[in-house]
Amino acid sequence: MIYHSPKHHYLLAEWRGQHDSESVRLGCQRLLQEVYNTGSTHLLNDSSEAFGEWKEIAIWIGSVFVPQLQHAGMEAIAWVNAMDWPARSCVASSLQYTSQPFVASFDFDQMEEAQHWLLEAGC
């Protein structure tokens, strides 16, 4: 699910349930479209309830998707980690494939911390 907060000008993307490479790619494409549709510059990416393993798409997320977000105007991403170890590992590995810090991004274990950081980042 993707929600837009016009007041704070950010998107909230909630990743819930089982995911694989295909569902992650489709979710990322929908998310990118919402960035263009809303003009949002900040993203609260909540993976806390995501499950599954998608290591084969981690390179694509870091090397293609994150630069696409930056090109669309994204300035900051607060990423709430998955509690499921395989999903958490995939999230962490995707960030290592980003060749440069296109956007300010930090990973968090708590939604409140992530939201606070995002609001402090200039939302």
N, C-alpha and C. Protein backbone atom coordinates (compact mmCIF):
# COMPACT_ATOMS: atom_id res chain seq x y z
N MET A 1 0.84 -1.18 0.00
CA MET A 1 0.00 0.00 0.00
C MET A 1 0.89 1.24 0.00
N ILE A 2 0.46 2.23 -0.75
CA ILE A 2 1.20 3.49 -0.82
C ILE A 2 0.23 4.62 -0.46
N TYR A 3 0.64 5.42 0.50
CA TYR A 3 -0.16 6.55 0.95
C TYR A 3 0.63 7.84 0.74
N HIS A 4 -0.10 8.91 0.43
CA HIS A 4 0.54 10.21 0.25
C HIS A 4 0.13 11.13 1.38
N SER A 5 1.09 11.79 1.99
CA SER A 5 0.82 12.79 3.01
C SER A 5 1.09 14.17 2.41
N PRO A 6 0.03 14.84 1.91
CA PRO A 6 0.25 16.15 1.31
C PRO A 6 0.80 17.17 2.31
N LYS A 7 0.39 17.05 3.56
CA LYS A 7 0.85 17.99 4.59
C LYS A 7 2.37 17.96 4.73
N HIS A 8 2.93 16.74 4.76
CA HIS A 8 4.38 16.60 4.96
C HIS A 8 5.12 16.32 3.65
N HIS A 9 4.36 16.17 2.57
CA HIS A 9 4.92 15.95 1.24
C HIS A 9 5.81 14.70 1.19
N TYR A 10 5.32 13.62 1.80
CA TYR A 10 6.04 12.36 1.68
C TYR A 10 5.10 11.22 1.36
N LEU A 11 5.69 10.15 0.88
CA LEU A 11 4.95 8.92 0.63
C LEU A 11 5.26 7.93 1.72
N LEU A 12 4.27 7.17 2.10
CA LEU A 12 4.44 6.03 3.01
C LEU A 12 4.16 4.78 2.19
N ALA A 13 5.18 3.94 2.05
CA ALA A 13 5.02 2.67 1.35
C ALA A 13 5.07 1.56 2.39
N GLU A 14 4.00 0.78 2.47
CA GLU A 14 3.94 -0.33 3.41
C GLU A 14 4.06 -1.64 2.66
N TRP A 15 5.10 -2.38 2.98
CA TRP A 15 5.34 -3.69 2.39
C TRP A 15 4.90 -4.72 3.41
N ARG A 16 3.86 -5.48 3.10
CA ARG A 16 3.29 -6.45 4.03
C ARG A 16 3.23 -7.82 3.37
N GLY A 17 3.47 -8.85 4.16
CA GLY A 17 3.31 -10.22 3.68
C GLY A 17 4.51 -10.73 2.90
N GLN A 18 4.28 -11.82 2.20
CA GLN A 18 5.31 -12.53 1.44
C GLN A 18 5.62 -11.79 0.15
N HIS A 19 6.91 -11.63 -0.12
CA HIS A 19 7.33 -10.99 -1.38
C HIS A 19 8.42 -11.81 -2.04
N ASP A 20 8.47 -11.69 -3.36
CA ASP A 20 9.53 -12.30 -4.15
C ASP A 20 10.03 -11.22 -5.12
N SER A 21 10.94 -11.58 -5.98
CA SER A 21 11.53 -10.59 -6.89
C SER A 21 10.48 -9.89 -7.75
N GLU A 22 9.51 -10.63 -8.23
CA GLU A 22 8.49 -10.05 -9.10
C GLU A 22 7.61 -9.07 -8.34
N SER A 23 7.16 -9.43 -7.15
CA SER A 23 6.29 -8.51 -6.40
C SER A 23 7.07 -7.28 -5.95
N VAL A 24 8.35 -7.45 -5.64
CA VAL A 24 9.17 -6.29 -5.26
C VAL A 24 9.34 -5.35 -6.46
N ARG A 25 9.64 -5.90 -7.62
CA ARG A 25 9.81 -5.07 -8.82
C ARG A 25 8.51 -4.32 -9.14
N LEU A 26 7.37 -5.00 -9.08
CA LEU A 26 6.09 -4.35 -9.37
C LEU A 26 5.78 -3.27 -8.33
N GLY A 27 6.06 -3.55 -7.07
CA GLY A 27 5.84 -2.56 -6.01
C GLY A 27 6.72 -1.34 -6.20
N CYS A 28 7.96 -1.56 -6.60
CA CYS A 28 8.88 -0.44 -6.85
C CYS A 28 8.40 0.40 -8.02
N GLN A 29 7.90 -0.24 -9.06
CA GLN A 29 7.41 0.50 -10.21
C GLN A 29 6.19 1.35 -9.84
N ARG A 30 5.29 0.79 -9.01
CA ARG A 30 4.13 1.56 -8.54
C ARG A 30 4.59 2.74 -7.68
N LEU A 31 5.57 2.48 -6.84
CA LEU A 31 6.09 3.53 -5.98
C LEU A 31 6.70 4.67 -6.80
N LEU A 32 7.49 4.33 -7.79
CA LEU A 32 8.09 5.35 -8.66
C LEU A 32 7.00 6.18 -9.35
N GLN A 33 5.96 5.52 -9.80
CA GLN A 33 4.86 6.24 -10.45
C GLN A 33 4.20 7.21 -9.48
N GLU A 34 4.05 6.80 -8.22
CA GLU A 34 3.46 7.69 -7.21
C GLU A 34 4.36 8.88 -6.91
N VAL A 35 5.67 8.68 -6.95
CA VAL A 35 6.59 9.80 -6.77
C VAL A 35 6.35 10.83 -7.87
N TYR A 36 6.24 10.37 -9.11
CA TYR A 36 5.96 11.28 -10.21
C TYR A 36 4.58 11.92 -10.08
N ASN A 37 3.57 11.12 -9.70
CA ASN A 37 2.20 11.64 -9.60
C ASN A 37 2.05 12.69 -8.51
N THR A 38 2.74 12.52 -7.40
CA THR A 38 2.54 13.40 -6.25
C THR A 38 3.62 14.47 -6.10
N GLY A 39 4.76 14.28 -6.73
CA GLY A 39 5.87 15.20 -6.55
C GLY A 39 6.53 15.07 -5.18
N SER A 40 6.29 13.96 -4.51
CA SER A 40 6.87 13.75 -3.18
C SER A 40 8.38 13.67 -3.26
N THR A 41 9.03 14.24 -2.25
CA THR A 41 10.48 14.25 -2.21
C THR A 41 11.04 13.39 -1.08
N HIS A 42 10.16 12.85 -0.24
CA HIS A 42 10.58 12.03 0.89
C HIS A 42 9.74 10.76 0.93
N LEU A 43 10.37 9.69 1.39
CA LEU A 43 9.71 8.38 1.42
C LEU A 43 9.94 7.72 2.77
N LEU A 44 8.84 7.28 3.37
CA LEU A 44 8.89 6.44 4.55
C LEU A 44 8.56 5.04 4.07
N ASN A 45 9.58 4.21 3.96
CA ASN A 45 9.47 2.88 3.37
C ASN A 45 9.41 1.85 4.49
N ASP A 46 8.23 1.35 4.79
CA ASP A 46 8.01 0.45 5.92
C ASP A 46 8.01 -1.00 5.46
N SER A 47 9.12 -1.70 5.74
CA SER A 47 9.25 -3.12 5.39
C SER A 47 9.12 -4.00 6.64
N SER A 48 8.65 -3.45 7.73
CA SER A 48 8.66 -4.16 9.01
C SER A 48 7.87 -5.47 8.98
N GLU A 49 6.85 -5.56 8.15
CA GLU A 49 6.04 -6.77 8.09
C GLU A 49 6.17 -7.50 6.76
N ALA A 50 7.29 -7.31 6.09
CA ALA A 50 7.57 -8.00 4.83
C ALA A 50 8.30 -9.30 5.11
N PHE A 51 8.01 -10.30 4.31
CA PHE A 51 8.65 -11.61 4.44
C PHE A 51 9.14 -12.05 3.07
N GLY A 52 10.13 -12.92 3.08
CA GLY A 52 10.59 -13.50 1.83
C GLY A 52 12.02 -13.11 1.50
N GLU A 53 12.47 -13.65 0.40
CA GLU A 53 13.84 -13.42 -0.04
C GLU A 53 13.82 -13.02 -1.51
N TRP A 54 14.52 -11.94 -1.82
CA TRP A 54 14.57 -11.45 -3.19
C TRP A 54 15.97 -10.95 -3.52
N LYS A 55 16.96 -11.71 -3.13
CA LYS A 55 18.36 -11.29 -3.33
C LYS A 55 18.69 -11.00 -4.79
N GLU A 56 18.08 -11.74 -5.71
CA GLU A 56 18.41 -11.54 -7.12
C GLU A 56 17.98 -10.17 -7.64
N ILE A 57 17.10 -9.48 -6.95
CA ILE A 57 16.69 -8.15 -7.40
C ILE A 57 17.40 -7.04 -6.61
N ALA A 58 18.19 -7.39 -5.63
CA ALA A 58 18.88 -6.41 -4.79
C ALA A 58 19.78 -5.48 -5.62
N ILE A 59 20.48 -6.04 -6.59
CA ILE A 59 21.35 -5.23 -7.44
C ILE A 59 20.52 -4.20 -8.21
N TRP A 60 19.39 -4.64 -8.75
CA TRP A 60 18.50 -3.74 -9.49
C TRP A 60 17.99 -2.61 -8.59
N ILE A 61 17.61 -2.92 -7.36
CA ILE A 61 17.11 -1.89 -6.45
C ILE A 61 18.19 -0.82 -6.23
N GLY A 62 19.40 -1.28 -5.91
CA GLY A 62 20.48 -0.33 -5.62
C GLY A 62 21.00 0.42 -6.82
N SER A 63 21.15 -0.27 -7.94
CA SER A 63 21.81 0.35 -9.09
C SER A 63 20.84 1.00 -10.08
N VAL A 64 19.57 0.62 -10.08
CA VAL A 64 18.61 1.16 -11.04
C VAL A 64 17.48 1.92 -10.33
N PHE A 65 16.82 1.26 -9.38
CA PHE A 65 15.63 1.86 -8.77
C PHE A 65 15.95 3.10 -7.93
N VAL A 66 16.96 3.03 -7.07
CA VAL A 66 17.29 4.20 -6.24
C VAL A 66 17.69 5.39 -7.13
N PRO A 67 18.50 5.20 -8.18
CA PRO A 67 18.76 6.34 -9.07
C PRO A 67 17.49 6.87 -9.77
N GLN A 68 16.55 5.97 -10.08
CA GLN A 68 15.29 6.42 -10.68
C GLN A 68 14.51 7.30 -9.70
N LEU A 69 14.52 6.90 -8.43
CA LEU A 69 13.86 7.71 -7.40
C LEU A 69 14.51 9.10 -7.32
N GLN A 70 15.82 9.12 -7.34
CA GLN A 70 16.54 10.39 -7.26
C GLN A 70 16.21 11.27 -8.47
N HIS A 71 16.19 10.68 -9.63
CA HIS A 71 15.86 11.42 -10.85
C HIS A 71 14.43 11.99 -10.79
N ALA A 72 13.54 11.27 -10.11
CA ALA A 72 12.14 11.71 -9.97
C ALA A 72 11.98 12.79 -8.90
N GLY A 73 13.07 13.10 -8.18
CA GLY A 73 13.01 14.17 -7.20
C GLY A 73 13.13 13.73 -5.75
N MET A 74 13.30 12.44 -5.52
CA MET A 74 13.41 11.93 -4.15
C MET A 74 14.69 12.47 -3.50
N GLU A 75 14.53 12.98 -2.28
CA GLU A 75 15.66 13.55 -1.54
C GLU A 75 16.03 12.74 -0.30
N ALA A 76 15.07 12.05 0.30
CA ALA A 76 15.35 11.32 1.54
C ALA A 76 14.45 10.10 1.65
N ILE A 77 15.04 9.01 2.13
CA ILE A 77 14.30 7.77 2.36
C ILE A 77 14.60 7.28 3.77
N ALA A 78 13.56 7.10 4.55
CA ALA A 78 13.68 6.46 5.86
C ALA A 78 13.12 5.05 5.70
N TRP A 79 13.95 4.05 5.92
CA TRP A 79 13.59 2.67 5.64
C TRP A 79 13.45 1.90 6.95
N VAL A 80 12.24 1.45 7.26
CA VAL A 80 12.00 0.65 8.45
C VAL A 80 12.29 -0.80 8.09
N ASN A 81 13.25 -1.39 8.79
CA ASN A 81 13.72 -2.74 8.49
C ASN A 81 12.66 -3.81 8.69
N ALA A 82 12.78 -4.86 7.91
CA ALA A 82 11.95 -6.05 8.09
C ALA A 82 12.42 -6.80 9.33
N MET A 83 11.48 -7.38 10.03
CA MET A 83 11.83 -8.20 11.19
C MET A 83 12.21 -9.62 10.76
N ASP A 84 11.76 -10.01 9.57
CA ASP A 84 12.08 -11.31 8.98
C ASP A 84 13.52 -11.25 8.44
N TRP A 85 14.38 -12.17 8.92
CA TRP A 85 15.79 -12.09 8.57
C TRP A 85 16.06 -12.13 7.06
N PRO A 86 15.49 -13.06 6.28
CA PRO A 86 15.79 -13.04 4.84
C PRO A 86 15.40 -11.73 4.17
N ALA A 87 14.24 -11.18 4.52
CA ALA A 87 13.82 -9.90 3.93
C ALA A 87 14.74 -8.77 4.39
N ARG A 88 15.11 -8.78 5.65
CA ARG A 88 16.00 -7.74 6.19
C ARG A 88 17.35 -7.78 5.47
N SER A 89 17.86 -8.97 5.23
CA SER A 89 19.13 -9.14 4.54
C SER A 89 19.06 -8.61 3.11
N CYS A 90 17.94 -8.84 2.45
CA CYS A 90 17.78 -8.36 1.07
C CYS A 90 17.74 -6.84 1.02
N VAL A 91 17.05 -6.22 1.97
CA VAL A 91 17.00 -4.76 2.03
C VAL A 91 18.41 -4.21 2.22
N ALA A 92 19.13 -4.76 3.18
CA ALA A 92 20.49 -4.28 3.48
C ALA A 92 21.42 -4.46 2.29
N SER A 93 21.31 -5.60 1.62
CA SER A 93 22.22 -5.84 0.49
C SER A 93 21.91 -4.93 -0.69
N SER A 94 20.66 -4.54 -0.88
CA SER A 94 20.33 -3.67 -2.01
C SER A 94 20.99 -2.30 -1.88
N LEU A 95 21.10 -1.81 -0.65
CA LEU A 95 21.69 -0.48 -0.45
C LEU A 95 23.18 -0.45 -0.77
N GLN A 96 23.86 -1.59 -0.68
CA GLN A 96 25.29 -1.61 -0.99
C GLN A 96 25.56 -1.49 -2.49
N TYR A 97 24.55 -1.69 -3.32
CA TYR A 97 24.73 -1.59 -4.76
C TYR A 97 24.49 -0.18 -5.30
N THR A 98 24.14 0.74 -4.43
CA THR A 98 23.99 2.13 -4.84
C THR A 98 25.39 2.72 -4.94
N SER A 99 25.76 3.15 -6.14
CA SER A 99 27.14 3.57 -6.37
C SER A 99 27.51 4.88 -5.69
N GLN A 100 26.53 5.68 -5.37
CA GLN A 100 26.78 6.93 -4.65
C GLN A 100 25.54 7.26 -3.85
N PRO A 101 25.66 8.08 -2.85
CA PRO A 101 24.48 8.42 -2.05
C PRO A 101 23.56 9.38 -2.81
N PHE A 102 22.74 8.83 -3.67
CA PHE A 102 21.84 9.65 -4.47
C PHE A 102 20.86 10.41 -3.59
N VAL A 103 20.40 9.75 -2.54
CA VAL A 103 19.45 10.35 -1.62
C VAL A 103 19.93 10.05 -0.20
N ALA A 104 19.54 10.88 0.72
CA ALA A 104 19.83 10.60 2.12
C ALA A 104 18.95 9.44 2.54
N SER A 105 19.54 8.39 3.06
CA SER A 105 18.73 7.25 3.49
C SER A 105 19.33 6.62 4.72
N PHE A 106 18.47 6.21 5.60
CA PHE A 106 18.87 5.54 6.82
C PHE A 106 17.89 4.43 7.10
N ASP A 107 18.38 3.38 7.72
CA ASP A 107 17.49 2.29 8.08
C ASP A 107 17.21 2.34 9.58
N PHE A 108 16.00 1.95 9.93
CA PHE A 108 15.52 2.03 11.29
C PHE A 108 14.81 0.73 11.66
N ASP A 109 14.74 0.47 12.96
CA ASP A 109 13.97 -0.67 13.45
C ASP A 109 12.60 -0.26 13.97
N GLN A 110 12.42 1.03 14.21
CA GLN A 110 11.16 1.53 14.76
C GLN A 110 10.55 2.59 13.84
N MET A 111 9.27 2.48 13.60
CA MET A 111 8.56 3.41 12.73
C MET A 111 8.65 4.84 13.26
N GLU A 112 8.52 5.02 14.56
CA GLU A 112 8.55 6.36 15.13
C GLU A 112 9.88 7.06 14.87
N GLU A 113 10.99 6.33 15.04
CA GLU A 113 12.31 6.89 14.77
C GLU A 113 12.45 7.29 13.30
N ALA A 114 11.99 6.42 12.42
CA ALA A 114 12.08 6.68 10.99
C ALA A 114 11.27 7.92 10.61
N GLN A 115 10.07 8.02 11.12
CA GLN A 115 9.22 9.16 10.81
C GLN A 115 9.83 10.45 11.35
N HIS A 116 10.35 10.41 12.55
CA HIS A 116 10.99 11.58 13.15
C HIS A 116 12.17 12.05 12.28
N TRP A 117 13.03 11.11 11.88
CA TRP A 117 14.18 11.45 11.05
C TRP A 117 13.72 12.07 9.73
N LEU A 118 12.70 11.47 9.13
CA LEU A 118 12.22 11.96 7.84
C LEU A 118 11.68 13.39 7.97
N LEU A 119 10.94 13.66 9.01
CA LEU A 119 10.42 15.00 9.22
C LEU A 119 11.54 16.00 9.49
N GLU A 120 12.56 15.54 10.19
CA GLU A 120 13.72 16.40 10.44
C GLU A 120 14.56 16.62 9.17
N ALA A 121 14.44 15.71 8.21
CA ALA A 121 15.20 15.80 6.95
C ALA A 121 14.64 16.84 6.01
N GLY A 122 13.59 17.51 6.43
CA GLY A 122 13.09 18.61 5.63
C GLY A 122 11.73 18.42 5.00
N CYS A 123 11.01 17.44 5.47
CA CYS A 123 9.64 17.28 4.93
C CYS A 123 8.81 18.48 5.27
